[in-house]
Amino acid sequence: MTSKTHVLGGMALGIGGYMYSQKMGFTIDGVNPILQLGIILPYAIWSSTLPDLDQDNDDVAERNPINLVLQKFFNLIRAGHRSAKSHIYPMLVALICYVLCLRGVMTNYIPGAGGSILQLITLGMFLGLFSHFLLDIMTEAGVQLGGIRIRVVPRMSMFGTGTTYELVVRRLLYVVCCVLLALVFRG
């Protein structure tokens, strides 16, 4: 999938994940819900494109210094495109950090609102990374995990990046984002 599709996927999962965490009582009491979404969403969108820094695409990495450092790190560990090192492990690290925030392990030692903000940031990052993984396994190339290629579509060129199939997925994600935002602001 291209970055446009990944951004919409990160946005959709960021909004949907926020709504689910609110329903499950994982949001932060006493903090405006829209402010919480306003912290989660940018991190979900940003991290939805991070796994593709495993490619030597300088124009993407040079947009900000953090991306450049991550790209250099992926090169250093020889992540390879769509590998577990760039697509699965960062997502698992973000999930573990989020769970540790929920349990208070990472947030108890941060004064003031910092712990709450860290919790929202880690949730957003996990949701963005997870959306990237989900979208990439919906392509014919899939994601490599050891000797196994994980994909949920047949290995056919029609399910490749930049195809009509991706355009349909992108348009569906756009509609999903609009519906989810309407649900968030309906109140």
N, C-alpha and C. Protein backbone atom coordinates (compact mmCIF):
# COMPACT_ATOMS: atom_id res chain seq x y z
N MET A 1 0.84 -1.18 0.00
CA MET A 1 0.00 0.00 0.00
C MET A 1 0.89 1.25 0.00
N THR A 2 0.37 2.30 -0.55
CA THR A 2 1.11 3.56 -0.60
C THR A 2 0.87 4.35 0.69
N SER A 3 1.64 5.41 0.87
CA SER A 3 1.53 6.18 2.10
C SER A 3 0.15 6.81 2.26
N LYS A 4 -0.49 7.20 1.15
CA LYS A 4 -1.84 7.79 1.25
C LYS A 4 -2.81 6.80 1.89
N THR A 5 -2.72 5.55 1.47
CA THR A 5 -3.61 4.53 2.02
C THR A 5 -3.26 4.24 3.48
N HIS A 6 -1.96 4.19 3.78
CA HIS A 6 -1.55 3.94 5.16
C HIS A 6 -1.99 5.07 6.09
N VAL A 7 -1.94 6.30 5.62
CA VAL A 7 -2.39 7.43 6.45
C VAL A 7 -3.88 7.30 6.76
N LEU A 8 -4.67 6.98 5.76
CA LEU A 8 -6.11 6.80 6.01
C LEU A 8 -6.37 5.60 6.92
N GLY A 9 -5.58 4.54 6.76
CA GLY A 9 -5.72 3.38 7.64
C GLY A 9 -5.38 3.73 9.07
N GLY A 10 -4.29 4.50 9.25
CA GLY A 10 -3.92 4.94 10.60
C GLY A 10 -4.97 5.85 11.22
N MET A 11 -5.55 6.70 10.38
CA MET A 11 -6.61 7.58 10.86
C MET A 11 -7.84 6.78 11.28
N ALA A 12 -8.25 5.84 10.44
CA ALA A 12 -9.43 5.02 10.74
C ALA A 12 -9.23 4.21 12.01
N LEU A 13 -8.08 3.55 12.11
CA LEU A 13 -7.84 2.74 13.31
C LEU A 13 -7.60 3.62 14.53
N GLY A 14 -7.01 4.80 14.33
CA GLY A 14 -6.82 5.73 15.45
C GLY A 14 -8.15 6.19 16.03
N ILE A 15 -9.07 6.56 15.15
CA ILE A 15 -10.40 7.01 15.62
C ILE A 15 -11.17 5.84 16.21
N GLY A 16 -11.18 4.73 15.49
CA GLY A 16 -11.90 3.54 15.96
C GLY A 16 -11.32 3.01 17.27
N GLY A 17 -10.00 2.99 17.37
CA GLY A 17 -9.36 2.53 18.60
C GLY A 17 -9.65 3.44 19.77
N TYR A 18 -9.68 4.74 19.51
CA TYR A 18 -10.05 5.70 20.55
C TYR A 18 -11.48 5.43 21.02
N MET A 19 -12.40 5.24 20.06
CA MET A 19 -13.81 5.01 20.42
C MET A 19 -13.94 3.72 21.24
N TYR A 20 -13.20 2.69 20.85
CA TYR A 20 -13.26 1.43 21.58
C TYR A 20 -12.68 1.59 22.98
N SER A 21 -11.54 2.27 23.09
CA SER A 21 -10.93 2.44 24.41
C SER A 21 -11.82 3.30 25.31
N GLN A 22 -12.54 4.25 24.72
CA GLN A 22 -13.48 5.05 25.50
C GLN A 22 -14.62 4.18 26.01
N LYS A 23 -15.13 3.31 25.14
CA LYS A 23 -16.23 2.42 25.53
C LYS A 23 -15.79 1.43 26.61
N MET A 24 -14.54 0.98 26.54
CA MET A 24 -14.02 0.01 27.51
C MET A 24 -13.51 0.66 28.80
N GLY A 25 -13.52 1.99 28.86
CA GLY A 25 -13.10 2.69 30.06
C GLY A 25 -11.60 2.88 30.17
N PHE A 26 -10.87 2.81 29.05
CA PHE A 26 -9.43 2.97 29.06
C PHE A 26 -8.99 4.41 28.83
N THR A 27 -9.94 5.30 28.57
CA THR A 27 -9.56 6.70 28.40
C THR A 27 -9.31 7.31 29.77
N ILE A 28 -8.84 8.53 29.80
CA ILE A 28 -8.39 9.14 31.04
C ILE A 28 -9.50 10.02 31.61
N ASP A 29 -9.90 9.70 32.83
CA ASP A 29 -10.95 10.45 33.50
C ASP A 29 -10.54 11.90 33.71
N GLY A 30 -11.48 12.81 33.54
CA GLY A 30 -11.25 14.21 33.80
C GLY A 30 -10.54 14.96 32.68
N VAL A 31 -10.26 14.26 31.57
CA VAL A 31 -9.62 14.92 30.43
C VAL A 31 -10.61 14.92 29.27
N ASN A 32 -10.79 16.06 28.65
CA ASN A 32 -11.72 16.20 27.54
C ASN A 32 -11.49 15.10 26.50
N PRO A 33 -12.54 14.35 26.13
CA PRO A 33 -12.38 13.25 25.17
C PRO A 33 -11.81 13.70 23.82
N ILE A 34 -12.21 14.87 23.34
CA ILE A 34 -11.71 15.35 22.04
C ILE A 34 -10.22 15.67 22.15
N LEU A 35 -9.78 16.17 23.29
CA LEU A 35 -8.35 16.41 23.51
C LEU A 35 -7.59 15.09 23.47
N GLN A 36 -8.17 14.04 24.06
CA GLN A 36 -7.52 12.73 24.04
C GLN A 36 -7.39 12.22 22.60
N LEU A 37 -8.46 12.35 21.83
CA LEU A 37 -8.41 11.96 20.42
C LEU A 37 -7.38 12.81 19.68
N GLY A 38 -7.29 14.08 20.05
CA GLY A 38 -6.34 14.99 19.43
C GLY A 38 -4.89 14.63 19.71
N ILE A 39 -4.64 13.86 20.75
CA ILE A 39 -3.29 13.37 21.02
C ILE A 39 -3.08 12.03 20.32
N ILE A 40 -4.06 11.15 20.37
CA ILE A 40 -3.94 9.81 19.77
C ILE A 40 -3.79 9.89 18.26
N LEU A 41 -4.64 10.68 17.62
CA LEU A 41 -4.75 10.68 16.16
C LEU A 41 -3.46 11.06 15.43
N PRO A 42 -2.77 12.13 15.79
CA PRO A 42 -1.53 12.45 15.06
C PRO A 42 -0.48 11.34 15.16
N TYR A 43 -0.40 10.70 16.32
CA TYR A 43 0.58 9.62 16.48
C TYR A 43 0.16 8.38 15.69
N ALA A 44 -1.14 8.13 15.61
CA ALA A 44 -1.62 7.00 14.80
C ALA A 44 -1.32 7.25 13.32
N ILE A 45 -1.53 8.47 12.88
CA ILE A 45 -1.27 8.81 11.47
C ILE A 45 0.23 8.74 11.17
N TRP A 46 1.03 9.35 12.03
CA TRP A 46 2.48 9.35 11.81
C TRP A 46 3.05 7.92 11.81
N SER A 47 2.69 7.15 12.83
CA SER A 47 3.27 5.81 12.93
C SER A 47 2.73 4.85 11.87
N SER A 48 1.63 5.21 11.24
CA SER A 48 1.08 4.34 10.18
C SER A 48 2.00 4.28 8.96
N THR A 49 2.93 5.21 8.85
CA THR A 49 3.87 5.20 7.73
C THR A 49 5.29 4.78 8.13
N LEU A 50 5.54 4.64 9.42
CA LEU A 50 6.90 4.35 9.89
C LEU A 50 7.49 3.04 9.36
N PRO A 51 6.74 1.94 9.30
CA PRO A 51 7.37 0.70 8.83
C PRO A 51 7.97 0.80 7.43
N ASP A 52 7.47 1.69 6.60
CA ASP A 52 8.02 1.82 5.25
C ASP A 52 9.34 2.58 5.22
N LEU A 53 9.82 3.02 6.37
CA LEU A 53 11.15 3.60 6.44
C LEU A 53 12.21 2.51 6.29
N ASP A 54 11.78 1.25 6.18
CA ASP A 54 12.72 0.17 5.92
C ASP A 54 13.25 0.22 4.49
N GLN A 55 12.70 1.11 3.68
CA GLN A 55 13.17 1.31 2.31
C GLN A 55 14.12 2.51 2.29
N ASP A 56 14.99 2.56 1.32
CA ASP A 56 15.89 3.70 1.19
C ASP A 56 15.23 4.79 0.36
N ASN A 57 14.14 5.32 0.88
CA ASN A 57 13.41 6.38 0.22
C ASN A 57 13.70 7.67 0.98
N ASP A 58 14.73 8.39 0.56
CA ASP A 58 15.20 9.55 1.31
C ASP A 58 14.16 10.65 1.46
N ASP A 59 13.30 10.85 0.47
CA ASP A 59 12.34 11.95 0.58
C ASP A 59 11.36 11.72 1.72
N VAL A 60 11.06 10.47 2.05
CA VAL A 60 10.17 10.18 3.18
C VAL A 60 10.91 10.41 4.49
N ALA A 61 12.12 9.88 4.59
CA ALA A 61 12.88 9.98 5.84
C ALA A 61 13.27 11.41 6.16
N GLU A 62 13.53 12.21 5.15
CA GLU A 62 14.03 13.56 5.41
C GLU A 62 12.92 14.54 5.78
N ARG A 63 11.69 14.09 5.86
CA ARG A 63 10.61 14.99 6.27
C ARG A 63 10.74 15.41 7.71
N ASN A 64 11.31 14.56 8.54
CA ASN A 64 11.60 14.96 9.91
C ASN A 64 12.78 14.13 10.44
N PRO A 65 13.48 14.66 11.43
CA PRO A 65 14.70 13.99 11.91
C PRO A 65 14.42 12.63 12.55
N ILE A 66 13.26 12.45 13.17
CA ILE A 66 12.95 11.16 13.79
C ILE A 66 12.84 10.08 12.72
N ASN A 67 12.17 10.41 11.61
CA ASN A 67 12.07 9.46 10.51
C ASN A 67 13.44 9.09 9.97
N LEU A 68 14.31 10.07 9.87
CA LEU A 68 15.66 9.82 9.36
C LEU A 68 16.41 8.86 10.28
N VAL A 69 16.31 9.09 11.59
CA VAL A 69 16.97 8.20 12.56
C VAL A 69 16.39 6.79 12.47
N LEU A 70 15.07 6.68 12.36
CA LEU A 70 14.44 5.36 12.25
C LEU A 70 14.88 4.65 10.97
N GLN A 71 14.97 5.39 9.88
CA GLN A 71 15.41 4.78 8.63
C GLN A 71 16.85 4.27 8.76
N LYS A 72 17.71 5.07 9.38
CA LYS A 72 19.10 4.64 9.60
C LYS A 72 19.15 3.41 10.49
N PHE A 73 18.28 3.37 11.50
CA PHE A 73 18.21 2.20 12.39
C PHE A 73 17.77 0.95 11.61
N PHE A 74 16.72 1.08 10.79
CA PHE A 74 16.28 -0.06 9.98
C PHE A 74 17.39 -0.53 9.04
N ASN A 75 18.15 0.41 8.48
CA ASN A 75 19.28 0.04 7.63
C ASN A 75 20.36 -0.68 8.44
N LEU A 76 20.64 -0.18 9.64
CA LEU A 76 21.66 -0.77 10.50
C LEU A 76 21.33 -2.21 10.86
N ILE A 77 20.06 -2.48 11.18
CA ILE A 77 19.68 -3.84 11.56
C ILE A 77 19.28 -4.69 10.36
N ARG A 78 19.43 -4.10 9.17
CA ARG A 78 19.10 -4.80 7.91
C ARG A 78 17.68 -5.37 7.96
N ALA A 79 16.76 -4.47 8.22
CA ALA A 79 15.36 -4.88 8.38
C ALA A 79 14.80 -5.52 7.11
N GLY A 80 15.07 -4.94 5.97
CA GLY A 80 14.46 -5.47 4.75
C GLY A 80 13.01 -5.05 4.65
N HIS A 81 12.56 -4.82 3.44
CA HIS A 81 11.20 -4.32 3.25
C HIS A 81 10.16 -5.37 3.64
N ARG A 82 9.19 -4.93 4.42
CA ARG A 82 8.08 -5.75 4.90
C ARG A 82 8.55 -6.94 5.72
N SER A 83 9.56 -6.71 6.52
CA SER A 83 10.08 -7.78 7.39
C SER A 83 9.47 -7.64 8.78
N ALA A 84 9.66 -8.65 9.60
CA ALA A 84 9.21 -8.59 10.99
C ALA A 84 9.93 -7.48 11.74
N LYS A 85 11.19 -7.20 11.38
CA LYS A 85 11.96 -6.17 12.07
C LYS A 85 11.37 -4.78 11.89
N SER A 86 10.70 -4.54 10.78
CA SER A 86 10.15 -3.20 10.54
C SER A 86 8.63 -3.15 10.69
N HIS A 87 7.95 -4.29 10.56
CA HIS A 87 6.50 -4.27 10.54
C HIS A 87 5.85 -4.92 11.77
N ILE A 88 6.49 -5.91 12.36
CA ILE A 88 5.86 -6.63 13.47
C ILE A 88 6.46 -6.22 14.82
N TYR A 89 7.79 -6.22 14.93
CA TYR A 89 8.43 -5.92 16.21
C TYR A 89 8.12 -4.52 16.73
N PRO A 90 8.17 -3.47 15.88
CA PRO A 90 7.81 -2.14 16.42
C PRO A 90 6.36 -2.09 16.93
N MET A 91 5.46 -2.80 16.23
CA MET A 91 4.07 -2.84 16.66
C MET A 91 3.95 -3.52 18.03
N LEU A 92 4.69 -4.60 18.22
CA LEU A 92 4.65 -5.30 19.51
C LEU A 92 5.27 -4.45 20.62
N VAL A 93 6.33 -3.73 20.33
CA VAL A 93 6.94 -2.84 21.32
C VAL A 93 5.94 -1.75 21.73
N ALA A 94 5.25 -1.17 20.77
CA ALA A 94 4.26 -0.13 21.07
C ALA A 94 3.11 -0.71 21.90
N LEU A 95 2.69 -1.93 21.59
CA LEU A 95 1.62 -2.57 22.36
C LEU A 95 2.06 -2.81 23.80
N ILE A 96 3.27 -3.32 23.97
CA ILE A 96 3.79 -3.57 25.32
C ILE A 96 3.88 -2.26 26.10
N CYS A 97 4.37 -1.21 25.46
CA CYS A 97 4.46 0.10 26.13
C CYS A 97 3.08 0.60 26.53
N TYR A 98 2.09 0.41 25.65
CA TYR A 98 0.73 0.85 25.98
C TYR A 98 0.19 0.08 27.18
N VAL A 99 0.37 -1.23 27.18
CA VAL A 99 -0.11 -2.05 28.29
C VAL A 99 0.60 -1.64 29.58
N LEU A 100 1.89 -1.38 29.51
CA LEU A 100 2.62 -0.93 30.70
C LEU A 100 2.11 0.42 31.18
N CYS A 101 1.71 1.29 30.25
CA CYS A 101 1.10 2.57 30.64
C CYS A 101 -0.23 2.34 31.34
N LEU A 102 -1.04 1.44 30.79
CA LEU A 102 -2.33 1.14 31.41
C LEU A 102 -2.16 0.59 32.82
N ARG A 103 -1.13 -0.21 33.00
CA ARG A 103 -0.86 -0.82 34.31
C ARG A 103 -0.15 0.15 35.25
N GLY A 104 0.23 1.32 34.76
CA GLY A 104 0.89 2.31 35.59
C GLY A 104 2.38 2.15 35.70
N VAL A 105 2.94 1.11 35.08
CA VAL A 105 4.38 0.85 35.19
C VAL A 105 5.19 1.98 34.57
N MET A 106 4.77 2.49 33.41
CA MET A 106 5.52 3.55 32.74
C MET A 106 5.06 4.94 33.13
N THR A 107 3.89 5.05 33.73
CA THR A 107 3.32 6.38 33.97
C THR A 107 3.37 6.83 35.43
N ASN A 108 3.56 5.92 36.37
CA ASN A 108 3.55 6.29 37.79
C ASN A 108 4.68 7.22 38.16
N TYR A 109 5.76 7.20 37.42
CA TYR A 109 6.94 7.99 37.77
C TYR A 109 7.05 9.28 36.98
N ILE A 110 6.02 9.58 36.19
CA ILE A 110 6.02 10.80 35.39
C ILE A 110 5.05 11.78 36.04
N PRO A 111 5.54 12.92 36.48
CA PRO A 111 4.67 13.86 37.22
C PRO A 111 3.63 14.54 36.32
N GLY A 112 2.57 14.97 36.94
CA GLY A 112 1.53 15.73 36.25
C GLY A 112 0.83 14.94 35.18
N ALA A 113 0.53 15.62 34.10
CA ALA A 113 -0.22 15.01 33.00
C ALA A 113 0.68 14.20 32.06
N GLY A 114 1.98 14.21 32.30
CA GLY A 114 2.91 13.52 31.41
C GLY A 114 2.61 12.04 31.23
N GLY A 115 2.25 11.37 32.31
CA GLY A 115 1.93 9.95 32.23
C GLY A 115 0.70 9.68 31.38
N SER A 116 -0.30 10.53 31.54
CA SER A 116 -1.52 10.39 30.74
C SER A 116 -1.23 10.64 29.26
N ILE A 117 -0.42 11.63 28.99
CA ILE A 117 -0.07 11.93 27.60
C ILE A 117 0.72 10.77 27.00
N LEU A 118 1.65 10.21 27.77
CA LEU A 118 2.43 9.06 27.29
C LEU A 118 1.51 7.89 26.97
N GLN A 119 0.51 7.67 27.80
CA GLN A 119 -0.45 6.59 27.54
C GLN A 119 -1.17 6.80 26.22
N LEU A 120 -1.61 8.02 25.95
CA LEU A 120 -2.31 8.33 24.71
C LEU A 120 -1.39 8.22 23.50
N ILE A 121 -0.14 8.65 23.65
CA ILE A 121 0.83 8.56 22.57
C ILE A 121 1.11 7.11 22.21
N THR A 122 1.33 6.27 23.23
CA THR A 122 1.62 4.86 22.94
C THR A 122 0.42 4.17 22.31
N LEU A 123 -0.79 4.53 22.72
CA LEU A 123 -1.98 3.97 22.07
C LEU A 123 -2.02 4.37 20.61
N GLY A 124 -1.82 5.65 20.34
CA GLY A 124 -1.82 6.12 18.96
C GLY A 124 -0.77 5.44 18.12
N MET A 125 0.43 5.28 18.67
CA MET A 125 1.51 4.63 17.91
C MET A 125 1.18 3.17 17.64
N PHE A 126 0.66 2.47 18.63
CA PHE A 126 0.28 1.07 18.39
C PHE A 126 -0.77 0.98 17.30
N LEU A 127 -1.79 1.81 17.37
CA LEU A 127 -2.88 1.75 16.39
C LEU A 127 -2.37 2.05 14.98
N GLY A 128 -1.48 3.02 14.83
CA GLY A 128 -0.92 3.33 13.52
C GLY A 128 -0.07 2.19 12.98
N LEU A 129 0.79 1.64 13.82
CA LEU A 129 1.63 0.51 13.39
C LEU A 129 0.79 -0.72 13.06
N PHE A 130 -0.25 -0.95 13.85
CA PHE A 130 -1.13 -2.09 13.60
C PHE A 130 -1.89 -1.91 12.29
N SER A 131 -2.33 -0.69 12.02
CA SER A 131 -3.03 -0.44 10.75
C SER A 131 -2.11 -0.69 9.57
N HIS A 132 -0.84 -0.31 9.70
CA HIS A 132 0.12 -0.55 8.62
C HIS A 132 0.26 -2.05 8.37
N PHE A 133 0.42 -2.80 9.43
CA PHE A 133 0.53 -4.25 9.32
C PHE A 133 -0.71 -4.83 8.64
N LEU A 134 -1.89 -4.44 9.10
CA LEU A 134 -3.14 -4.95 8.52
C LEU A 134 -3.24 -4.65 7.03
N LEU A 135 -2.90 -3.43 6.65
CA LEU A 135 -2.99 -3.07 5.23
C LEU A 135 -1.96 -3.81 4.39
N ASP A 136 -0.76 -4.00 4.92
CA ASP A 136 0.26 -4.71 4.14
C ASP A 136 -0.05 -6.19 3.98
N ILE A 137 -0.70 -6.81 4.95
CA ILE A 137 -1.07 -8.22 4.75
C ILE A 137 -2.27 -8.36 3.81
N MET A 138 -2.87 -7.22 3.47
CA MET A 138 -3.96 -7.23 2.49
C MET A 138 -3.44 -7.03 1.07
N THR A 139 -2.11 -7.15 0.88
CA THR A 139 -1.53 -7.06 -0.46
C THR A 139 -0.90 -8.41 -0.82
N GLU A 140 -0.65 -8.58 -2.10
CA GLU A 140 -0.07 -9.85 -2.55
C GLU A 140 1.34 -10.07 -2.02
N ALA A 141 2.06 -9.02 -1.68
CA ALA A 141 3.42 -9.17 -1.14
C ALA A 141 3.40 -9.57 0.33
N GLY A 142 2.37 -9.16 1.07
CA GLY A 142 2.26 -9.52 2.48
C GLY A 142 3.40 -9.00 3.32
N VAL A 143 3.60 -9.63 4.48
CA VAL A 143 4.67 -9.29 5.42
C VAL A 143 5.42 -10.57 5.75
N GLN A 144 6.74 -10.48 5.74
CA GLN A 144 7.60 -11.64 5.99
C GLN A 144 7.81 -11.84 7.48
N LEU A 145 7.55 -13.04 7.96
CA LEU A 145 7.81 -13.42 9.36
C LEU A 145 8.57 -14.74 9.32
N GLY A 146 9.88 -14.65 9.51
CA GLY A 146 10.71 -15.84 9.36
C GLY A 146 10.63 -16.32 7.92
N GLY A 147 10.33 -17.56 7.74
CA GLY A 147 10.21 -18.11 6.39
C GLY A 147 8.80 -18.08 5.85
N ILE A 148 7.91 -17.41 6.56
CA ILE A 148 6.49 -17.39 6.18
C ILE A 148 6.11 -15.99 5.70
N ARG A 149 5.37 -15.93 4.61
CA ARG A 149 4.84 -14.67 4.11
C ARG A 149 3.38 -14.61 4.56
N ILE A 150 3.05 -13.62 5.40
CA ILE A 150 1.68 -13.47 5.90
C ILE A 150 0.92 -12.58 4.94
N ARG A 151 -0.17 -13.10 4.40
CA ARG A 151 -1.06 -12.31 3.54
C ARG A 151 -2.45 -12.92 3.63
N VAL A 152 -3.46 -12.09 3.39
CA VAL A 152 -4.84 -12.56 3.45
C VAL A 152 -5.52 -12.53 2.08
N VAL A 153 -4.76 -12.20 1.06
CA VAL A 153 -5.28 -12.20 -0.31
C VAL A 153 -4.39 -13.14 -1.14
N PRO A 154 -4.90 -13.62 -2.26
CA PRO A 154 -4.07 -14.50 -3.10
C PRO A 154 -2.88 -13.74 -3.68
N ARG A 155 -1.85 -14.47 -4.03
CA ARG A 155 -0.66 -13.86 -4.64
C ARG A 155 -0.98 -13.62 -6.12
N MET A 156 -1.64 -12.50 -6.34
CA MET A 156 -2.03 -12.09 -7.69
C MET A 156 -1.71 -10.61 -7.83
N SER A 157 -1.23 -10.21 -8.99
CA SER A 157 -0.80 -8.82 -9.19
C SER A 157 -1.94 -7.82 -8.98
N MET A 158 -3.18 -8.25 -9.13
CA MET A 158 -4.29 -7.31 -8.92
C MET A 158 -4.38 -6.83 -7.48
N PHE A 159 -3.75 -7.54 -6.54
CA PHE A 159 -3.74 -7.15 -5.13
C PHE A 159 -2.45 -6.43 -4.74
N GLY A 160 -1.74 -5.91 -5.71
CA GLY A 160 -0.47 -5.23 -5.46
C GLY A 160 -0.65 -3.78 -5.07
N THR A 161 0.47 -3.18 -4.69
CA THR A 161 0.50 -1.77 -4.32
C THR A 161 0.29 -0.91 -5.56
N GLY A 162 -0.55 0.12 -5.42
CA GLY A 162 -0.78 1.05 -6.52
C GLY A 162 -1.79 0.58 -7.56
N THR A 163 -2.52 -0.48 -7.25
CA THR A 163 -3.50 -1.01 -8.20
C THR A 163 -4.89 -0.42 -7.94
N THR A 164 -5.83 -0.79 -8.80
CA THR A 164 -7.22 -0.39 -8.61
C THR A 164 -7.75 -0.92 -7.27
N TYR A 165 -7.31 -2.10 -6.91
CA TYR A 165 -7.68 -2.70 -5.62
C TYR A 165 -7.30 -1.76 -4.47
N GLU A 166 -6.08 -1.23 -4.50
CA GLU A 166 -5.67 -0.31 -3.45
C GLU A 166 -6.51 0.96 -3.47
N LEU A 167 -6.83 1.45 -4.63
CA LEU A 167 -7.66 2.65 -4.74
C LEU A 167 -9.03 2.41 -4.10
N VAL A 168 -9.60 1.24 -4.31
CA VAL A 168 -10.90 0.90 -3.69
C VAL A 168 -10.74 0.85 -2.17
N VAL A 169 -9.67 0.21 -1.69
CA VAL A 169 -9.41 0.14 -0.25
C VAL A 169 -9.27 1.55 0.32
N ARG A 170 -8.52 2.41 -0.37
CA ARG A 170 -8.32 3.79 0.09
C ARG A 170 -9.64 4.54 0.18
N ARG A 171 -10.47 4.39 -0.83
CA ARG A 171 -11.77 5.09 -0.82
C ARG A 171 -12.67 4.57 0.29
N LEU A 172 -12.63 3.27 0.54
CA LEU A 172 -13.40 2.71 1.65
C LEU A 172 -12.90 3.25 2.99
N LEU A 173 -11.60 3.33 3.13
CA LEU A 173 -11.03 3.89 4.36
C LEU A 173 -11.43 5.35 4.54
N TYR A 174 -11.50 6.08 3.46
CA TYR A 174 -11.93 7.48 3.54
C TYR A 174 -13.37 7.56 4.07
N VAL A 175 -14.24 6.71 3.55
CA VAL A 175 -15.63 6.69 4.02
C VAL A 175 -15.69 6.28 5.49
N VAL A 176 -14.91 5.26 5.86
CA VAL A 176 -14.88 4.82 7.26
C VAL A 176 -14.43 5.96 8.17
N CYS A 177 -13.40 6.70 7.77
CA CYS A 177 -12.93 7.83 8.57
C CYS A 177 -14.02 8.88 8.74
N CYS A 178 -14.72 9.19 7.67
CA CYS A 178 -15.80 10.18 7.73
C CYS A 178 -16.91 9.73 8.67
N VAL A 179 -17.30 8.47 8.56
CA VAL A 179 -18.36 7.93 9.42
C VAL A 179 -17.92 7.94 10.88
N LEU A 180 -16.69 7.49 11.14
CA LEU A 180 -16.19 7.48 12.52
C LEU A 180 -16.10 8.87 13.12
N LEU A 181 -15.62 9.83 12.33
CA LEU A 181 -15.57 11.21 12.84
C LEU A 181 -16.97 11.75 13.11
N ALA A 182 -17.92 11.42 12.25
CA ALA A 182 -19.30 11.85 12.47
C ALA A 182 -19.83 11.25 13.77
N LEU A 183 -19.48 10.01 14.05
CA LEU A 183 -19.92 9.37 15.29
C LEU A 183 -19.26 10.01 16.52
N VAL A 184 -18.01 10.37 16.40
CA VAL A 184 -17.31 11.00 17.52
C VAL A 184 -17.94 12.35 17.84
N PHE A 185 -18.28 13.13 16.81
CA PHE A 185 -18.77 14.49 17.01
C PHE A 185 -20.30 14.60 17.01
N ARG A 186 -20.99 13.50 17.03
CA ARG A 186 -22.46 13.55 16.96
C ARG A 186 -23.10 14.14 18.20
N GLY A 187 -22.39 14.11 19.29
CA GLY A 187 -22.92 14.39 20.56
C GLY A 187 -23.33 15.71 20.98
